[in-house]
Amino acid sequence: ARFQQPVLGLDIAEGMLRYARSQGPASCAWVTADAEALPLRSD
C-alpha cells in the first residue's frame, strides 16, 4: 500500500505463507525461504 509496488513475502514457515497468500493481494508473491540463504540475485 505504501510503495504501490508488488512485494515479495519470504518466510520459513509454509503454513504462514499459505495463510498470507489467501489474504492477498494478487500482486504480491510468496516464497518459502531461509533468511540465511536468500533465493535472490545479488544486487
PDB file of all heavy atoms in Angstrom:
ATOM      1  N   ALA A   1       0.830  -1.206   0.000  1.00  0.00           N
ATOM      2  CA  ALA A   1       0.000   0.000   0.000  1.00  0.00           C
ATOM      3  C   ALA A   1       0.866   1.258   0.000  1.00  0.00           C
ATOM      4  O   ALA A   1       0.543   2.237  -0.685  1.00  0.00           O
ATOM      5  CB  ALA A   1      -0.922  -0.005   1.215  1.00  0.00           C
ATOM      6  N   ARG A   2       1.970   1.229   0.753  1.00  0.00           N
ATOM      7  CA  ARG A   2       2.809   2.432   0.831  1.00  0.00           C
ATOM      8  C   ARG A   2       3.546   2.705  -0.471  1.00  0.00           C
ATOM      9  O   ARG A   2       3.599   3.843  -0.944  1.00  0.00           O
ATOM     10  CB  ARG A   2       3.815   2.303   1.963  1.00  0.00           C
ATOM     11  CG  ARG A   2       4.870   3.398   1.899  1.00  0.00           C
ATOM     12  CD  ARG A   2       5.651   3.624   3.137  1.00  0.00           C
ATOM     13  NE  ARG A   2       6.676   4.634   2.901  1.00  0.00           N
ATOM     14  CZ  ARG A   2       7.459   5.150   3.820  1.00  0.00           C
ATOM     15  NH1 ARG A   2       7.332   4.773   5.069  1.00  0.00           N
ATOM     16  NH2 ARG A   2       8.381   6.056   3.509  1.00  0.00           N
ATOM     17  N   PHE A   3       4.157   1.672  -1.046  1.00  0.00           N
ATOM     18  CA  PHE A   3       5.018   1.888  -2.210  1.00  0.00           C
ATOM     19  C   PHE A   3       4.302   1.662  -3.531  1.00  0.00           C
ATOM     20  O   PHE A   3       4.872   1.959  -4.588  1.00  0.00           O
ATOM     21  CB  PHE A   3       6.250   0.982  -2.114  1.00  0.00           C
ATOM     22  CG  PHE A   3       7.198   1.376  -1.017  1.00  0.00           C
ATOM     23  CD1 PHE A   3       7.173   0.727   0.211  1.00  0.00           C
ATOM     24  CD2 PHE A   3       8.095   2.418  -1.192  1.00  0.00           C
ATOM     25  CE1 PHE A   3       8.035   1.094   1.235  1.00  0.00           C
ATOM     26  CE2 PHE A   3       8.969   2.791  -0.184  1.00  0.00           C
ATOM     27  CZ  PHE A   3       8.929   2.141   1.042  1.00  0.00           C
ATOM     28  N   GLN A   4       3.082   1.114  -3.463  1.00  0.00           N
ATOM     29  CA  GLN A   4       2.320   0.854  -4.690  1.00  0.00           C
ATOM     30  C   GLN A   4       3.119  -0.012  -5.658  1.00  0.00           C
ATOM     31  O   GLN A   4       3.140   0.227  -6.867  1.00  0.00           O
ATOM     32  CB  GLN A   4       1.904   2.176  -5.351  1.00  0.00           C
ATOM     33  CG  GLN A   4       0.938   3.001  -4.509  1.00  0.00           C
ATOM     34  CD  GLN A   4      -0.412   2.322  -4.341  1.00  0.00           C
ATOM     35  OE1 GLN A   4      -1.131   2.060  -5.301  1.00  0.00           O
ATOM     36  NE2 GLN A   4      -0.755   1.991  -3.094  1.00  0.00           N
ATOM     37  N   GLN A   5       3.794  -0.999  -5.083  1.00  0.00           N
ATOM     38  CA  GLN A   5       4.610  -1.926  -5.866  1.00  0.00           C
ATOM     39  C   GLN A   5       4.361  -3.349  -5.361  1.00  0.00           C
ATOM     40  O   GLN A   5       4.013  -3.542  -4.192  1.00  0.00           O
ATOM     41  CB  GLN A   5       6.107  -1.603  -5.711  1.00  0.00           C
ATOM     42  CG  GLN A   5       6.521  -0.240  -6.212  1.00  0.00           C
ATOM     43  CD  GLN A   5       6.477  -0.128  -7.725  1.00  0.00           C
ATOM     44  OE1 GLN A   5       6.460  -1.143  -8.426  1.00  0.00           O
ATOM     45  NE2 GLN A   5       6.473   1.096  -8.235  1.00  0.00           N
ATOM     46  N   PRO A   6       4.541  -4.352  -6.236  1.00  0.00           N
ATOM     47  CA  PRO A   6       4.479  -5.734  -5.751  1.00  0.00           C
ATOM     48  C   PRO A   6       5.550  -5.967  -4.687  1.00  0.00           C
ATOM     49  O   PRO A   6       6.648  -5.408  -4.762  1.00  0.00           O
ATOM     50  CB  PRO A   6       4.760  -6.561  -7.012  1.00  0.00           C
ATOM     51  CG  PRO A   6       4.495  -5.643  -8.151  1.00  0.00           C
ATOM     52  CD  PRO A   6       4.826  -4.269  -7.665  1.00  0.00           C
ATOM     53  N   VAL A   7       5.233  -6.759  -3.698  1.00  0.00           N
ATOM     54  CA  VAL A   7       6.166  -7.079  -2.617  1.00  0.00           C
ATOM     55  C   VAL A   7       6.361  -8.587  -2.589  1.00  0.00           C
ATOM     56  O   VAL A   7       5.405  -9.352  -2.767  1.00  0.00           O
ATOM     57  CB  VAL A   7       5.650  -6.586  -1.258  1.00  0.00           C
ATOM     58  CG1 VAL A   7       6.654  -6.888  -0.147  1.00  0.00           C
ATOM     59  CG2 VAL A   7       5.343  -5.095  -1.305  1.00  0.00           C
ATOM     60  N   LEU A   8       7.591  -9.017  -2.386  1.00  0.00           N
ATOM     61  CA  LEU A   8       7.899 -10.428  -2.262  1.00  0.00           C
ATOM     62  C   LEU A   8       7.910 -10.794  -0.783  1.00  0.00           C
ATOM     63  O   LEU A   8       8.721 -10.271  -0.017  1.00  0.00           O
ATOM     64  CB  LEU A   8       9.260 -10.731  -2.889  1.00  0.00           C
ATOM     65  CG  LEU A   8       9.774 -12.174  -2.778  1.00  0.00           C
ATOM     66  CD1 LEU A   8       8.799 -13.146  -3.441  1.00  0.00           C
ATOM     67  CD2 LEU A   8      11.165 -12.286  -3.387  1.00  0.00           C
ATOM     68  N   GLY A   9       7.012 -11.668  -0.373  1.00  0.00           N
ATOM     69  CA  GLY A   9       6.951 -12.132   1.002  1.00  0.00           C
ATOM     70  C   GLY A   9       7.708 -13.447   1.150  1.00  0.00           C
ATOM     71  O   GLY A   9       7.380 -14.434   0.482  1.00  0.00           O
ATOM     72  N   LEU A  10       8.713 -13.449   1.996  1.00  0.00           N
ATOM     73  CA  LEU A  10       9.521 -14.640   2.246  1.00  0.00           C
ATOM     74  C   LEU A  10       9.334 -15.103   3.689  1.00  0.00           C
ATOM     75  O   LEU A  10       9.316 -14.277   4.612  1.00  0.00           O
ATOM     76  CB  LEU A  10      11.009 -14.357   2.011  1.00  0.00           C
ATOM     77  CG  LEU A  10      11.443 -13.836   0.647  1.00  0.00           C
ATOM     78  CD1 LEU A  10      12.957 -13.639   0.618  1.00  0.00           C
ATOM     79  CD2 LEU A  10      11.003 -14.774  -0.463  1.00  0.00           C
ATOM     80  N   ASP A  11       9.219 -16.399   3.898  1.00  0.00           N
ATOM     81  CA  ASP A  11       9.112 -16.930   5.257  1.00  0.00           C
ATOM     82  C   ASP A  11       9.544 -18.390   5.261  1.00  0.00           C
ATOM     83  O   ASP A  11       9.398 -19.095   4.250  1.00  0.00           O
ATOM     84  CB  ASP A  11       7.680 -16.806   5.788  1.00  0.00           C
ATOM     85  CG  ASP A  11       7.632 -16.780   7.304  1.00  0.00           C
ATOM     86  OD1 ASP A  11       7.800 -17.843   7.930  1.00  0.00           O
ATOM     87  OD2 ASP A  11       7.451 -15.688   7.878  1.00  0.00           O
ATOM     88  N   ILE A  12      10.067 -18.819   6.403  1.00  0.00           N
ATOM     89  CA  ILE A  12      10.500 -20.204   6.546  1.00  0.00           C
ATOM     90  C   ILE A  12       9.323 -21.129   6.843  1.00  0.00           C
ATOM     91  O   ILE A  12       9.410 -22.343   6.664  1.00  0.00           O
ATOM     92  CB  ILE A  12      11.572 -20.304   7.660  1.00  0.00           C
ATOM     93  CG1 ILE A  12      12.358 -21.603   7.533  1.00  0.00           C
ATOM     94  CG2 ILE A  12      10.963 -20.141   9.046  1.00  0.00           C
ATOM     95  CD1 ILE A  12      13.559 -21.664   8.473  1.00  0.00           C
ATOM     96  N   ALA A  13       8.198 -20.551   7.283  1.00  0.00           N
ATOM     97  CA  ALA A  13       7.029 -21.328   7.701  1.00  0.00           C
ATOM     98  C   ALA A  13       6.014 -21.404   6.565  1.00  0.00           C
ATOM     99  O   ALA A  13       5.350 -20.423   6.243  1.00  0.00           O
ATOM    100  CB  ALA A  13       6.401 -20.714   8.940  1.00  0.00           C
ATOM    101  N   GLU A  14       5.878 -22.576   5.975  1.00  0.00           N
ATOM    102  CA  GLU A  14       4.976 -22.728   4.830  1.00  0.00           C
ATOM    103  C   GLU A  14       3.523 -22.461   5.211  1.00  0.00           C
ATOM    104  O   GLU A  14       2.753 -21.940   4.402  1.00  0.00           O
ATOM    105  CB  GLU A  14       5.131 -24.129   4.239  1.00  0.00           C
ATOM    106  CG  GLU A  14       6.497 -24.359   3.596  1.00  0.00           C
ATOM    107  CD  GLU A  14       6.611 -25.730   2.949  1.00  0.00           C
ATOM    108  OE1 GLU A  14       5.587 -26.441   2.894  1.00  0.00           O
ATOM    109  OE2 GLU A  14       7.719 -26.077   2.510  1.00  0.00           O
ATOM    110  N   GLY A  15       3.150 -22.804   6.438  1.00  0.00           N
ATOM    111  CA  GLY A  15       1.780 -22.550   6.879  1.00  0.00           C
ATOM    112  C   GLY A  15       1.453 -21.067   6.897  1.00  0.00           C
ATOM    113  O   GLY A  15       0.349 -20.650   6.542  1.00  0.00           O
ATOM    114  N   MET A  16       2.421 -20.254   7.302  1.00  0.00           N
ATOM    115  CA  MET A  16       2.222 -18.809   7.277  1.00  0.00           C
ATOM    116  C   MET A  16       2.040 -18.309   5.853  1.00  0.00           C
ATOM    117  O   MET A  16       1.183 -17.462   5.573  1.00  0.00           O
ATOM    118  CB  MET A  16       3.419 -18.107   7.928  1.00  0.00           C
ATOM    119  CG  MET A  16       3.446 -18.158   9.439  1.00  0.00           C
ATOM    120  SD  MET A  16       2.162 -17.103  10.181  1.00  0.00           S
ATOM    121  CE  MET A  16       2.683 -17.112  11.907  1.00  0.00           C
ATOM    122  N   LEU A  17       2.835 -18.829   4.933  1.00  0.00           N
ATOM    123  CA  LEU A  17       2.749 -18.383   3.542  1.00  0.00           C
ATOM    124  C   LEU A  17       1.415 -18.767   2.912  1.00  0.00           C
ATOM    125  O   LEU A  17       0.839 -17.988   2.143  1.00  0.00           O
ATOM    126  CB  LEU A  17       3.911 -18.962   2.738  1.00  0.00           C
ATOM    127  CG  LEU A  17       5.297 -18.413   3.098  1.00  0.00           C
ATOM    128  CD1 LEU A  17       6.377 -19.225   2.413  1.00  0.00           C
ATOM    129  CD2 LEU A  17       5.407 -16.944   2.703  1.00  0.00           C
ATOM    130  N   ARG A  18       0.915 -19.954   3.227  1.00  0.00           N
ATOM    131  CA  ARG A  18      -0.396 -20.349   2.703  1.00  0.00           C
ATOM    132  C   ARG A  18      -1.471 -19.381   3.183  1.00  0.00           C
ATOM    133  O   ARG A  18      -2.349 -18.969   2.408  1.00  0.00           O
ATOM    134  CB  ARG A  18      -0.733 -21.781   3.140  1.00  0.00           C
ATOM    135  CG  ARG A  18       0.003 -22.858   2.361  1.00  0.00           C
ATOM    136  CD  ARG A  18      -0.605 -24.226   2.600  1.00  0.00           C
ATOM    137  NE  ARG A  18      -0.490 -24.642   4.003  1.00  0.00           N
ATOM    138  CZ  ARG A  18       0.555 -25.303   4.500  1.00  0.00           C
ATOM    139  NH1 ARG A  18       1.577 -25.610   3.713  1.00  0.00           N
ATOM    140  NH2 ARG A  18       0.576 -25.655   5.769  1.00  0.00           N
ATOM    141  N   TYR A  19      -1.397 -19.027   4.451  1.00  0.00           N
ATOM    142  CA  TYR A  19      -2.382 -18.085   5.001  1.00  0.00           C
ATOM    143  C   TYR A  19      -2.215 -16.714   4.356  1.00  0.00           C
ATOM    144  O   TYR A  19      -3.203 -16.074   3.957  1.00  0.00           O
ATOM    145  CB  TYR A  19      -2.222 -17.992   6.516  1.00  0.00           C
ATOM    146  CG  TYR A  19      -3.257 -17.100   7.163  1.00  0.00           C
ATOM    147  CD1 TYR A  19      -4.493 -17.607   7.531  1.00  0.00           C
ATOM    148  CD2 TYR A  19      -2.997 -15.750   7.392  1.00  0.00           C
ATOM    149  CE1 TYR A  19      -5.453 -16.788   8.113  1.00  0.00           C
ATOM    150  CE2 TYR A  19      -3.949 -14.923   7.972  1.00  0.00           C
ATOM    151  CZ  TYR A  19      -5.172 -15.453   8.330  1.00  0.00           C
ATOM    152  OH  TYR A  19      -6.123 -14.637   8.897  1.00  0.00           O
ATOM    153  N   ALA A  20      -0.972 -16.237   4.240  1.00  0.00           N
ATOM    154  CA  ALA A  20      -0.718 -14.928   3.645  1.00  0.00           C
ATOM    155  C   ALA A  20      -1.240 -14.874   2.216  1.00  0.00           C
ATOM    156  O   ALA A  20      -1.861 -13.882   1.805  1.00  0.00           O
ATOM    157  CB  ALA A  20       0.777 -14.615   3.688  1.00  0.00           C
ATOM    158  N   ARG A  21      -0.998 -15.934   1.463  1.00  0.00           N
ATOM    159  CA  ARG A  21      -1.444 -15.973   0.069  1.00  0.00           C
ATOM    160  C   ARG A  21      -2.972 -15.851   0.000  1.00  0.00           C
ATOM    161  O   ARG A  21      -3.515 -15.189  -0.900  1.00  0.00           O
ATOM    162  CB  ARG A  21      -0.975 -17.267  -0.588  1.00  0.00           C
ATOM    163  CG  ARG A  21      -1.236 -17.330  -2.089  1.00  0.00           C
ATOM    164  CD  ARG A  21      -0.696 -18.619  -2.691  1.00  0.00           C
ATOM    165  NE  ARG A  21       0.762 -18.676  -2.623  1.00  0.00           N
ATOM    166  CZ  ARG A  21       1.454 -19.520  -1.862  1.00  0.00           C
ATOM    167  NH1 ARG A  21       0.811 -20.379  -1.071  1.00  0.00           N
ATOM    168  NH2 ARG A  21       2.773 -19.506  -1.880  1.00  0.00           N
ATOM    169  N   SER A  22      -3.670 -16.454   0.953  1.00  0.00           N
ATOM    170  CA  SER A  22      -5.137 -16.413   0.950  1.00  0.00           C
ATOM    171  C   SER A  22      -5.672 -15.020   1.245  1.00  0.00           C
ATOM    172  O   SER A  22      -6.819 -14.706   0.912  1.00  0.00           O
ATOM    173  CB  SER A  22      -5.690 -17.400   1.982  1.00  0.00           C
ATOM    174  OG  SER A  22      -5.515 -16.912   3.309  1.00  0.00           O
ATOM    175  N   GLN A  23      -4.838 -14.165   1.852  1.00  0.00           N
ATOM    176  CA  GLN A  23      -5.268 -12.813   2.202  1.00  0.00           C
ATOM    177  C   GLN A  23      -4.966 -11.795   1.105  1.00  0.00           C
ATOM    178  O   GLN A  23      -5.429 -10.659   1.172  1.00  0.00           O
ATOM    179  CB  GLN A  23      -4.574 -12.372   3.498  1.00  0.00           C
ATOM    180  CG  GLN A  23      -4.803 -13.290   4.686  1.00  0.00           C
ATOM    181  CD  GLN A  23      -6.274 -13.432   5.043  1.00  0.00           C
ATOM    182  OE1 GLN A  23      -6.938 -12.444   5.354  1.00  0.00           O
ATOM    183  NE2 GLN A  23      -6.791 -14.652   4.981  1.00  0.00           N
ATOM    184  N   GLY A  24      -4.131 -12.211   0.116  1.00  0.00           N
ATOM    185  CA  GLY A  24      -3.797 -11.311  -0.988  1.00  0.00           C
ATOM    186  C   GLY A  24      -2.811 -10.241  -0.563  1.00  0.00           C
ATOM    187  O   GLY A  24      -2.255 -10.302   0.520  1.00  0.00           O
ATOM    188  N   PRO A  25      -2.585  -9.233  -1.424  1.00  0.00           N
ATOM    189  CA  PRO A  25      -3.171  -9.043  -2.748  1.00  0.00           C
ATOM    190  C   PRO A  25      -2.494  -9.911  -3.807  1.00  0.00           C
ATOM    191  O   PRO A  25      -1.410 -10.443  -3.591  1.00  0.00           O
ATOM    192  CB  PRO A  25      -2.922  -7.562  -3.023  1.00  0.00           C
ATOM    193  CG  PRO A  25      -1.640  -7.281  -2.310  1.00  0.00           C
ATOM    194  CD  PRO A  25      -1.683  -8.114  -1.063  1.00  0.00           C
ATOM    195  N   ALA A  26      -3.135  -9.995  -4.951  1.00  0.00           N
ATOM    196  CA  ALA A  26      -2.633 -10.860  -6.018  1.00  0.00           C
ATOM    197  C   ALA A  26      -1.298 -10.381  -6.567  1.00  0.00           C
ATOM    198  O   ALA A  26      -0.535 -11.167  -7.129  1.00  0.00           O
ATOM    199  CB  ALA A  26      -3.670 -10.933  -7.147  1.00  0.00           C
ATOM    200  N   SER A  27      -0.989  -9.108  -6.395  1.00  0.00           N
ATOM    201  CA  SER A  27       0.262  -8.575  -6.941  1.00  0.00           C
ATOM    202  C   SER A  27       1.480  -9.000  -6.134  1.00  0.00           C
ATOM    203  O   SER A  27       2.619  -8.860  -6.599  1.00  0.00           O
ATOM    204  CB  SER A  27       0.202  -7.040  -6.993  1.00  0.00           C
ATOM    205  OG  SER A  27       0.038  -6.502  -5.685  1.00  0.00           O
ATOM    206  N   CYS A  28       1.276  -9.506  -4.925  1.00  0.00           N
ATOM    207  CA  CYS A  28       2.394  -9.957  -4.098  1.00  0.00           C
ATOM    208  C   CYS A  28       2.685 -11.424  -4.353  1.00  0.00           C
ATOM    209  O   CYS A  28       1.802 -12.197  -4.730  1.00  0.00           O
ATOM    210  CB  CYS A  28       2.094  -9.725  -2.622  1.00  0.00           C
ATOM    211  SG  CYS A  28       2.003  -7.976  -2.163  1.00  0.00           S
ATOM    212  N   ALA A  29       3.940 -11.809  -4.151  1.00  0.00           N
ATOM    213  CA  ALA A  29       4.358 -13.195  -4.329  1.00  0.00           C
ATOM    214  C   ALA A  29       4.851 -13.731  -2.989  1.00  0.00           C
ATOM    215  O   ALA A  29       5.341 -12.977  -2.139  1.00  0.00           O
ATOM    216  CB  ALA A  29       5.471 -13.282  -5.378  1.00  0.00           C
ATOM    217  N   TRP A  30       4.736 -15.048  -2.814  1.00  0.00           N
ATOM    218  CA  TRP A  30       5.044 -15.666  -1.518  1.00  0.00           C
ATOM    219  C   TRP A  30       5.958 -16.858  -1.747  1.00  0.00           C
ATOM    220  O   TRP A  30       5.624 -17.770  -2.505  1.00  0.00           O
ATOM    221  CB  TRP A  30       3.750 -16.091  -0.825  1.00  0.00           C
ATOM    222  CG  TRP A  30       2.698 -15.019  -0.855  1.00  0.00           C
ATOM    223  CD1 TRP A  30       1.695 -14.882  -1.773  1.00  0.00           C
ATOM    224  CD2 TRP A  30       2.582 -13.918   0.046  1.00  0.00           C
ATOM    225  NE1 TRP A  30       0.953 -13.763  -1.496  1.00  0.00           N
ATOM    226  CE2 TRP A  30       1.455 -13.151  -0.379  1.00  0.00           C
ATOM    227  CE3 TRP A  30       3.291 -13.513   1.175  1.00  0.00           C
ATOM    228  CZ2 TRP A  30       1.047 -12.006   0.285  1.00  0.00           C
ATOM    229  CZ3 TRP A  30       2.881 -12.368   1.840  1.00  0.00           C
ATOM    230  CH2 TRP A  30       1.770 -11.628   1.393  1.00  0.00           C
ATOM    231  N   VAL A  31       7.106 -16.858  -1.099  1.00  0.00           N
ATOM    232  CA  VAL A  31       8.117 -17.889  -1.347  1.00  0.00           C
ATOM    233  C   VAL A  31       8.685 -18.386  -0.018  1.00  0.00           C
ATOM    234  O   VAL A  31       9.035 -17.589   0.860  1.00  0.00           O
ATOM    235  CB  VAL A  31       9.271 -17.325  -2.211  1.00  0.00           C
ATOM    236  CG1 VAL A  31      10.373 -18.359  -2.387  1.00  0.00           C
ATOM    237  CG2 VAL A  31       8.744 -16.864  -3.573  1.00  0.00           C
ATOM    238  N   THR A  32       8.783 -19.702   0.118  1.00  0.00           N
ATOM    239  CA  THR A  32       9.433 -20.300   1.279  1.00  0.00           C
ATOM    240  C   THR A  32      10.929 -20.051   1.186  1.00  0.00           C
ATOM    241  O   THR A  32      11.557 -20.354   0.167  1.00  0.00           O
ATOM    242  CB  THR A  32       9.167 -21.814   1.333  1.00  0.00           C
ATOM    243  OG1 THR A  32       7.768 -22.052   1.296  1.00  0.00           O
ATOM    244  CG2 THR A  32       9.743 -22.419   2.608  1.00  0.00           C
ATOM    245  N   ALA A  33      11.505 -19.461   2.227  1.00  0.00           N
ATOM    246  CA  ALA A  33      12.914 -19.093   2.158  1.00  0.00           C
ATOM    247  C   ALA A  33      13.495 -18.970   3.553  1.00  0.00           C
ATOM    248  O   ALA A  33      12.795 -18.668   4.519  1.00  0.00           O
ATOM    249  CB  ALA A  33      13.093 -17.774   1.404  1.00  0.00           C
ATOM    250  N   ASP A  34      14.797 -19.204   3.619  1.00  0.00           N
ATOM    251  CA  ASP A  34      15.584 -19.083   4.839  1.00  0.00           C
ATOM    252  C   ASP A  34      16.359 -17.772   4.759  1.00  0.00           C
ATOM    253  O   ASP A  34      17.058 -17.513   3.773  1.00  0.00           O
ATOM    254  CB  ASP A  34      16.543 -20.276   4.929  1.00  0.00           C
ATOM    255  CG  ASP A  34      17.354 -20.314   6.203  1.00  0.00           C
ATOM    256  OD1 ASP A  34      17.522 -19.268   6.849  1.00  0.00           O
ATOM    257  OD2 ASP A  34      17.852 -21.408   6.545  1.00  0.00           O
ATOM    258  N   ALA A  35      16.255 -16.938   5.783  1.00  0.00           N
ATOM    259  CA  ALA A  35      16.931 -15.635   5.769  1.00  0.00           C
ATOM    260  C   ALA A  35      18.443 -15.764   5.652  1.00  0.00           C
ATOM    261  O   ALA A  35      19.117 -14.823   5.210  1.00  0.00           O
ATOM    262  CB  ALA A  35      16.585 -14.848   7.035  1.00  0.00           C
ATOM    263  N   GLU A  36      18.981 -16.925   6.018  1.00  0.00           N
ATOM    264  CA  GLU A  36      20.428 -17.120   5.953  1.00  0.00           C
ATOM    265  C   GLU A  36      20.894 -17.622   4.591  1.00  0.00           C
ATOM    266  O   GLU A  36      22.098 -17.760   4.364  1.00  0.00           O
ATOM    267  CB  GLU A  36      20.866 -18.080   7.055  1.00  0.00           C
ATOM    268  CG  GLU A  36      20.640 -17.513   8.448  1.00  0.00           C
ATOM    269  CD  GLU A  36      20.956 -18.513   9.540  1.00  0.00           C
ATOM    270  OE1 GLU A  36      21.791 -19.414   9.308  1.00  0.00           O
ATOM    271  OE2 GLU A  36      20.367 -18.396  10.628  1.00  0.00           O
ATOM    272  N   ALA A  37      19.950 -17.878   3.679  1.00  0.00           N
ATOM    273  CA  ALA A  37      20.293 -18.331   2.321  1.00  0.00           C
ATOM    274  C   ALA A  37      19.189 -17.853   1.381  1.00  0.00           C
ATOM    275  O   ALA A  37      18.366 -18.637   0.905  1.00  0.00           O
ATOM    276  CB  ALA A  37      20.433 -19.844   2.277  1.00  0.00           C
ATOM    277  N   LEU A  38      19.168 -16.570   1.112  1.00  0.00           N
ATOM    278  CA  LEU A  38      18.072 -15.969   0.356  1.00  0.00           C
ATOM    279  C   LEU A  38      18.092 -16.409  -1.110  1.00  0.00           C
ATOM    280  O   LEU A  38      19.144 -16.375  -1.752  1.00  0.00           O
ATOM    281  CB  LEU A  38      18.157 -14.443   0.431  1.00  0.00           C
ATOM    282  CG  LEU A  38      17.935 -13.826   1.813  1.00  0.00           C
ATOM    283  CD1 LEU A  38      18.201 -12.324   1.771  1.00  0.00           C
ATOM    284  CD2 LEU A  38      16.518 -14.096   2.304  1.00  0.00           C
ATOM    285  N   PRO A  39      16.940 -16.793  -1.650  1.00  0.00           N
ATOM    286  CA  PRO A  39      16.855 -17.214  -3.050  1.00  0.00           C
ATOM    287  C   PRO A  39      16.706 -16.006  -3.983  1.00  0.00           C
ATOM    288  O   PRO A  39      15.790 -15.950  -4.813  1.00  0.00           O
ATOM    289  CB  PRO A  39      15.604 -18.093  -3.059  1.00  0.00           C
ATOM    290  CG  PRO A  39      14.717 -17.454  -2.037  1.00  0.00           C
ATOM    291  CD  PRO A  39      15.640 -16.947  -0.956  1.00  0.00           C
ATOM    292  N   LEU A  40      17.610 -15.046  -3.837  1.00  0.00           N
ATOM    293  CA  LEU A  40      17.527 -13.794  -4.585  1.00  0.00           C
ATOM    294  C   LEU A  40      18.880 -13.485  -5.206  1.00  0.00           C
ATOM    295  O   LEU A  40      19.926 -13.789  -4.623  1.00  0.00           O
ATOM    296  CB  LEU A  40      17.124 -12.642  -3.648  1.00  0.00           C
ATOM    297  CG  LEU A  40      15.780 -12.780  -2.926  1.00  0.00           C
ATOM    298  CD1 LEU A  40      15.639 -11.697  -1.870  1.00  0.00           C
ATOM    299  CD2 LEU A  40      14.626 -12.717  -3.915  1.00  0.00           C
ATOM    300  N   ARG A  41      18.844 -12.834  -6.367  1.00  0.00           N
ATOM    301  CA  ARG A  41      20.085 -12.444  -7.034  1.00  0.00           C
ATOM    302  C   ARG A  41      20.804 -11.352  -6.244  1.00  0.00           C
ATOM    303  O   ARG A  41      20.169 -10.521  -5.588  1.00  0.00           O
ATOM    304  CB  ARG A  41      19.816 -11.958  -8.449  1.00  0.00           C
ATOM    305  CG  ARG A  41      19.287 -13.018  -9.396  1.00  0.00           C
ATOM    306  CD  ARG A  41      19.292 -12.514 -10.827  1.00  0.00           C
ATOM    307  NE  ARG A  41      18.643 -11.218 -10.959  1.00  0.00           N
ATOM    308  CZ  ARG A  41      17.340 -11.053 -11.113  1.00  0.00           C
ATOM    309  NH1 ARG A  41      16.546 -12.115 -11.138  1.00  0.00           N
ATOM    310  NH2 ARG A  41      16.834  -9.844 -11.246  1.00  0.00           N
ATOM    311  N   SER A  42      22.113 -11.338  -6.357  1.00  0.00           N
ATOM    312  CA  SER A  42      22.892 -10.262  -5.741  1.00  0.00           C
ATOM    313  C   SER A  42      22.513  -8.922  -6.377  1.00  0.00           C
ATOM    314  O   SER A  42      22.182  -8.853  -7.571  1.00  0.00           O
ATOM    315  CB  SER A  42      24.388 -10.518  -5.925  1.00  0.00           C
ATOM    316  OG  SER A  42      24.771 -11.715  -5.269  1.00  0.00           O
ATOM    317  N   ASP A  43      22.540  -7.879  -5.585  1.00  0.00           N
ATOM    318  CA  ASP A  43      22.277  -6.517  -6.058  1.00  0.00           C
ATOM    319  C   ASP A  43      20.933  -6.397  -6.765  1.00  0.00           C
ATOM    320  O   ASP A  43      20.802  -5.693  -7.767  1.00  0.00           O
ATOM    321  CB  ASP A  43      23.396  -6.043  -7.006  1.00  0.00           C
ATOM    322  CG  ASP A  43      24.778  -6.173  -6.378  1.00  0.00           C
ATOM    323  OD1 ASP A  43      24.950  -5.730  -5.232  1.00  0.00           O
ATOM    324  OD2 ASP A  43      25.674  -6.739  -7.043  1.00  0.00           O
TER     325      ASP A  43
END
